[in-house]
Amino acid sequence: REVHMYDTSNLAVLKYAMKHTGGYYVQAVIDQDALAERKFRLCQFGVLRRVLGTQDGIHRNNLGESSRSVRARVLSMSRVQVGGVT
């Protein structure tokens, strides 16, 4: 699967994973029920992913502005339990 990362925090996670963990990272999802209550909480489970390769790219928003991005080929490995955010 290919994911297109252009958000600065996602790019930082990708950079860290490539440098320190052999390309592994966990994709966690924000709990939509908590957002409805104006709270921040992650879903109980995330997905362990491994980056197989990357390609630099450009992201263009709906206003025509462009920024650096990365297209990453990833393999979803397994479901993992996600802890709290500190």
N, C-alpha and C. Protein backbone atom coordinates (compact mmCIF):
# COMPACT_ATOMS: atom_id res chain seq x y z
N ARG A 1 0.84 -1.17 0.00
CA ARG A 1 0.00 0.00 0.00
C ARG A 1 0.89 1.23 0.00
N GLU A 2 0.43 2.28 -0.65
CA GLU A 2 1.18 3.54 -0.66
C GLU A 2 0.43 4.58 0.16
N VAL A 3 1.16 5.27 1.02
CA VAL A 3 0.59 6.38 1.79
C VAL A 3 1.31 7.66 1.40
N HIS A 4 0.56 8.74 1.35
CA HIS A 4 1.11 10.05 0.98
C HIS A 4 1.16 10.88 2.26
N MET A 5 2.38 11.17 2.72
CA MET A 5 2.55 11.93 3.97
C MET A 5 3.04 13.33 3.67
N TYR A 6 2.32 14.32 4.17
CA TYR A 6 2.73 15.71 3.96
C TYR A 6 2.58 16.56 5.20
N ASP A 7 1.90 16.07 6.20
CA ASP A 7 1.78 16.76 7.47
C ASP A 7 3.13 16.71 8.18
N THR A 8 3.55 17.80 8.81
CA THR A 8 4.88 17.85 9.42
C THR A 8 5.07 16.79 10.50
N SER A 9 4.04 16.49 11.29
CA SER A 9 4.20 15.47 12.33
C SER A 9 4.33 14.08 11.71
N ASN A 10 3.60 13.79 10.64
CA ASN A 10 3.74 12.50 9.96
C ASN A 10 5.12 12.36 9.32
N LEU A 11 5.63 13.43 8.75
CA LEU A 11 6.97 13.39 8.16
C LEU A 11 8.02 13.14 9.24
N ALA A 12 7.82 13.73 10.42
CA ALA A 12 8.76 13.51 11.53
C ALA A 12 8.73 12.05 11.99
N VAL A 13 7.54 11.45 12.05
CA VAL A 13 7.42 10.04 12.43
C VAL A 13 8.12 9.16 11.40
N LEU A 14 7.92 9.45 10.14
CA LEU A 14 8.55 8.68 9.07
C LEU A 14 10.07 8.78 9.15
N LYS A 15 10.57 9.98 9.36
CA LYS A 15 12.02 10.19 9.46
C LYS A 15 12.59 9.41 10.66
N TYR A 16 11.90 9.48 11.80
CA TYR A 16 12.35 8.76 12.99
C TYR A 16 12.34 7.25 12.74
N ALA A 17 11.26 6.75 12.15
CA ALA A 17 11.15 5.31 11.89
C ALA A 17 12.27 4.82 10.98
N MET A 18 12.58 5.58 9.96
CA MET A 18 13.62 5.18 9.02
C MET A 18 15.01 5.20 9.68
N LYS A 19 15.22 6.12 10.60
CA LYS A 19 16.54 6.27 11.22
C LYS A 19 16.74 5.36 12.44
N HIS A 20 15.67 5.11 13.22
CA HIS A 20 15.86 4.47 14.52
C HIS A 20 15.19 3.11 14.69
N THR A 21 14.20 2.75 13.88
CA THR A 21 13.44 1.53 14.17
C THR A 21 13.39 0.56 13.00
N GLY A 22 14.25 0.74 12.02
CA GLY A 22 14.23 -0.14 10.87
C GLY A 22 13.01 0.06 9.99
N GLY A 23 12.39 1.22 10.09
CA GLY A 23 11.24 1.54 9.25
C GLY A 23 9.89 1.20 9.88
N TYR A 24 9.88 0.77 11.13
CA TYR A 24 8.61 0.43 11.79
C TYR A 24 8.01 1.64 12.49
N TYR A 25 6.68 1.77 12.40
CA TYR A 25 5.96 2.78 13.17
C TYR A 25 4.54 2.29 13.39
N VAL A 26 3.83 2.90 14.33
CA VAL A 26 2.44 2.54 14.60
C VAL A 26 1.56 3.68 14.13
N GLN A 27 0.57 3.34 13.32
CA GLN A 27 -0.42 4.33 12.91
C GLN A 27 -1.58 4.24 13.88
N ALA A 28 -1.78 5.30 14.63
CA ALA A 28 -2.87 5.37 15.60
C ALA A 28 -3.93 6.34 15.07
N VAL A 29 -5.17 6.09 15.44
CA VAL A 29 -6.28 6.90 14.93
C VAL A 29 -6.93 7.64 16.09
N ILE A 30 -7.32 8.88 15.85
CA ILE A 30 -8.00 9.68 16.87
C ILE A 30 -9.42 9.16 17.04
N ASP A 31 -9.84 9.01 18.28
CA ASP A 31 -11.17 8.51 18.62
C ASP A 31 -12.22 9.58 18.27
N GLN A 32 -13.08 9.27 17.32
CA GLN A 32 -14.10 10.22 16.86
C GLN A 32 -15.15 10.52 17.93
N ASP A 33 -15.47 9.55 18.78
CA ASP A 33 -16.43 9.78 19.87
C ASP A 33 -15.89 10.81 20.85
N ALA A 34 -14.59 10.73 21.14
CA ALA A 34 -13.97 11.70 22.05
C ALA A 34 -13.99 13.09 21.42
N LEU A 35 -13.73 13.16 20.11
CA LEU A 35 -13.76 14.47 19.44
C LEU A 35 -15.13 15.11 19.54
N ALA A 36 -16.17 14.29 19.43
CA ALA A 36 -17.53 14.82 19.53
C ALA A 36 -17.78 15.47 20.89
N GLU A 37 -17.04 15.01 21.91
CA GLU A 37 -17.13 15.57 23.26
C GLU A 37 -16.05 16.63 23.50
N ARG A 38 -15.34 17.00 22.43
CA ARG A 38 -14.26 17.98 22.47
C ARG A 38 -13.12 17.52 23.38
N LYS A 39 -12.82 16.20 23.32
CA LYS A 39 -11.72 15.61 24.07
C LYS A 39 -10.76 14.98 23.08
N PHE A 40 -9.53 14.75 23.52
CA PHE A 40 -8.55 14.08 22.68
C PHE A 40 -8.25 12.71 23.27
N ARG A 41 -8.45 11.68 22.45
CA ARG A 41 -8.15 10.33 22.87
C ARG A 41 -7.88 9.50 21.61
N LEU A 42 -6.99 8.53 21.72
CA LEU A 42 -6.73 7.64 20.59
C LEU A 42 -7.62 6.41 20.69
N CYS A 43 -7.90 5.81 19.54
CA CYS A 43 -8.61 4.53 19.52
C CYS A 43 -7.74 3.50 20.25
N GLN A 44 -8.37 2.44 20.73
CA GLN A 44 -7.66 1.44 21.52
C GLN A 44 -6.59 0.71 20.71
N PHE A 45 -6.83 0.52 19.41
CA PHE A 45 -5.89 -0.23 18.60
C PHE A 45 -5.37 0.60 17.44
N GLY A 46 -4.13 0.33 17.07
CA GLY A 46 -3.51 0.94 15.90
C GLY A 46 -2.94 -0.18 15.04
N VAL A 47 -2.20 0.21 14.00
CA VAL A 47 -1.63 -0.76 13.08
C VAL A 47 -0.11 -0.58 13.04
N LEU A 48 0.61 -1.67 13.27
CA LEU A 48 2.06 -1.66 13.13
C LEU A 48 2.38 -1.71 11.64
N ARG A 49 3.15 -0.76 11.17
CA ARG A 49 3.50 -0.70 9.76
C ARG A 49 5.00 -0.68 9.59
N ARG A 50 5.43 -1.18 8.43
CA ARG A 50 6.85 -1.13 8.08
C ARG A 50 6.98 -0.43 6.74
N VAL A 51 7.88 0.54 6.68
CA VAL A 51 8.14 1.28 5.44
C VAL A 51 9.06 0.44 4.58
N LEU A 52 8.62 0.17 3.35
CA LEU A 52 9.41 -0.62 2.41
C LEU A 52 10.23 0.26 1.48
N GLY A 53 9.78 1.48 1.27
CA GLY A 53 10.49 2.41 0.40
C GLY A 53 9.79 3.75 0.38
N THR A 54 10.52 4.78 -0.01
CA THR A 54 9.95 6.13 -0.06
C THR A 54 10.34 6.82 -1.36
N GLN A 55 9.54 7.81 -1.70
CA GLN A 55 9.82 8.65 -2.86
C GLN A 55 9.39 10.07 -2.50
N ASP A 56 10.28 11.04 -2.71
CA ASP A 56 9.93 12.43 -2.44
C ASP A 56 8.83 12.88 -3.39
N GLY A 57 7.99 13.76 -2.89
CA GLY A 57 6.90 14.27 -3.71
C GLY A 57 6.54 15.69 -3.33
N ILE A 58 5.50 16.18 -3.94
CA ILE A 58 4.97 17.51 -3.67
C ILE A 58 3.47 17.37 -3.38
N HIS A 59 3.02 18.02 -2.31
CA HIS A 59 1.59 18.05 -1.99
C HIS A 59 1.05 19.42 -2.37
N ARG A 60 -0.06 19.42 -3.08
CA ARG A 60 -0.72 20.68 -3.44
C ARG A 60 -2.10 20.71 -2.79
N ASN A 61 -2.37 21.79 -2.07
CA ASN A 61 -3.68 21.89 -1.43
C ASN A 61 -4.70 22.50 -2.39
N ASN A 62 -5.92 22.67 -1.92
CA ASN A 62 -6.98 23.17 -2.79
C ASN A 62 -6.83 24.66 -3.14
N LEU A 63 -5.88 25.34 -2.52
CA LEU A 63 -5.61 26.74 -2.85
C LEU A 63 -4.45 26.87 -3.84
N GLY A 64 -3.88 25.73 -4.23
CA GLY A 64 -2.78 25.74 -5.18
C GLY A 64 -1.41 25.87 -4.54
N GLU A 65 -1.36 25.92 -3.22
CA GLU A 65 -0.08 26.01 -2.52
C GLU A 65 0.56 24.62 -2.50
N SER A 66 1.88 24.59 -2.54
CA SER A 66 2.57 23.30 -2.55
C SER A 66 3.57 23.22 -1.40
N SER A 67 3.81 21.98 -0.95
CA SER A 67 4.77 21.73 0.12
C SER A 67 5.39 20.36 -0.10
N ARG A 68 6.50 20.12 0.59
CA ARG A 68 7.22 18.85 0.50
C ARG A 68 6.34 17.72 1.02
N SER A 69 6.45 16.56 0.40
CA SER A 69 5.73 15.39 0.86
C SER A 69 6.57 14.15 0.57
N VAL A 70 6.11 13.03 1.09
CA VAL A 70 6.77 11.75 0.83
C VAL A 70 5.68 10.72 0.53
N ARG A 71 5.91 9.96 -0.52
CA ARG A 71 5.06 8.80 -0.81
C ARG A 71 5.82 7.58 -0.31
N ALA A 72 5.20 6.87 0.61
CA ALA A 72 5.87 5.72 1.23
C ALA A 72 5.10 4.44 0.92
N ARG A 73 5.83 3.42 0.51
CA ARG A 73 5.25 2.08 0.36
C ARG A 73 5.34 1.41 1.73
N VAL A 74 4.20 1.02 2.28
CA VAL A 74 4.18 0.43 3.62
C VAL A 74 3.49 -0.92 3.61
N LEU A 75 3.87 -1.74 4.56
CA LEU A 75 3.26 -3.04 4.77
C LEU A 75 2.61 -3.00 6.14
N SER A 76 1.30 -3.27 6.20
CA SER A 76 0.60 -3.35 7.49
C SER A 76 0.89 -4.71 8.10
N MET A 77 1.51 -4.71 9.28
CA MET A 77 2.01 -5.94 9.89
C MET A 77 0.97 -6.59 10.81
N SER A 78 0.47 -5.83 11.77
CA SER A 78 -0.46 -6.41 12.74
C SER A 78 -1.17 -5.30 13.52
N ARG A 79 -2.23 -5.70 14.18
CA ARG A 79 -2.96 -4.77 15.05
C ARG A 79 -2.24 -4.73 16.39
N VAL A 80 -2.08 -3.54 16.95
CA VAL A 80 -1.40 -3.39 18.24
C VAL A 80 -2.24 -2.50 19.15
N GLN A 81 -2.12 -2.75 20.44
CA GLN A 81 -2.84 -1.93 21.41
C GLN A 81 -2.05 -0.64 21.62
N VAL A 82 -2.76 0.46 21.60
CA VAL A 82 -2.14 1.78 21.72
C VAL A 82 -2.31 2.29 23.14
N GLY A 83 -1.23 2.82 23.71
CA GLY A 83 -1.30 3.39 25.05
C GLY A 83 -1.79 4.83 24.99
N GLY A 84 -1.79 5.49 26.12
CA GLY A 84 -2.22 6.89 26.19
C GLY A 84 -1.17 7.82 25.62
N VAL A 85 -1.57 9.04 25.41
CA VAL A 85 -0.67 10.07 24.91
C VAL A 85 -0.20 10.92 26.07
N THR A 86 1.11 11.13 26.16
CA THR A 86 1.65 11.94 27.26
C THR A 86 2.26 13.20 26.73
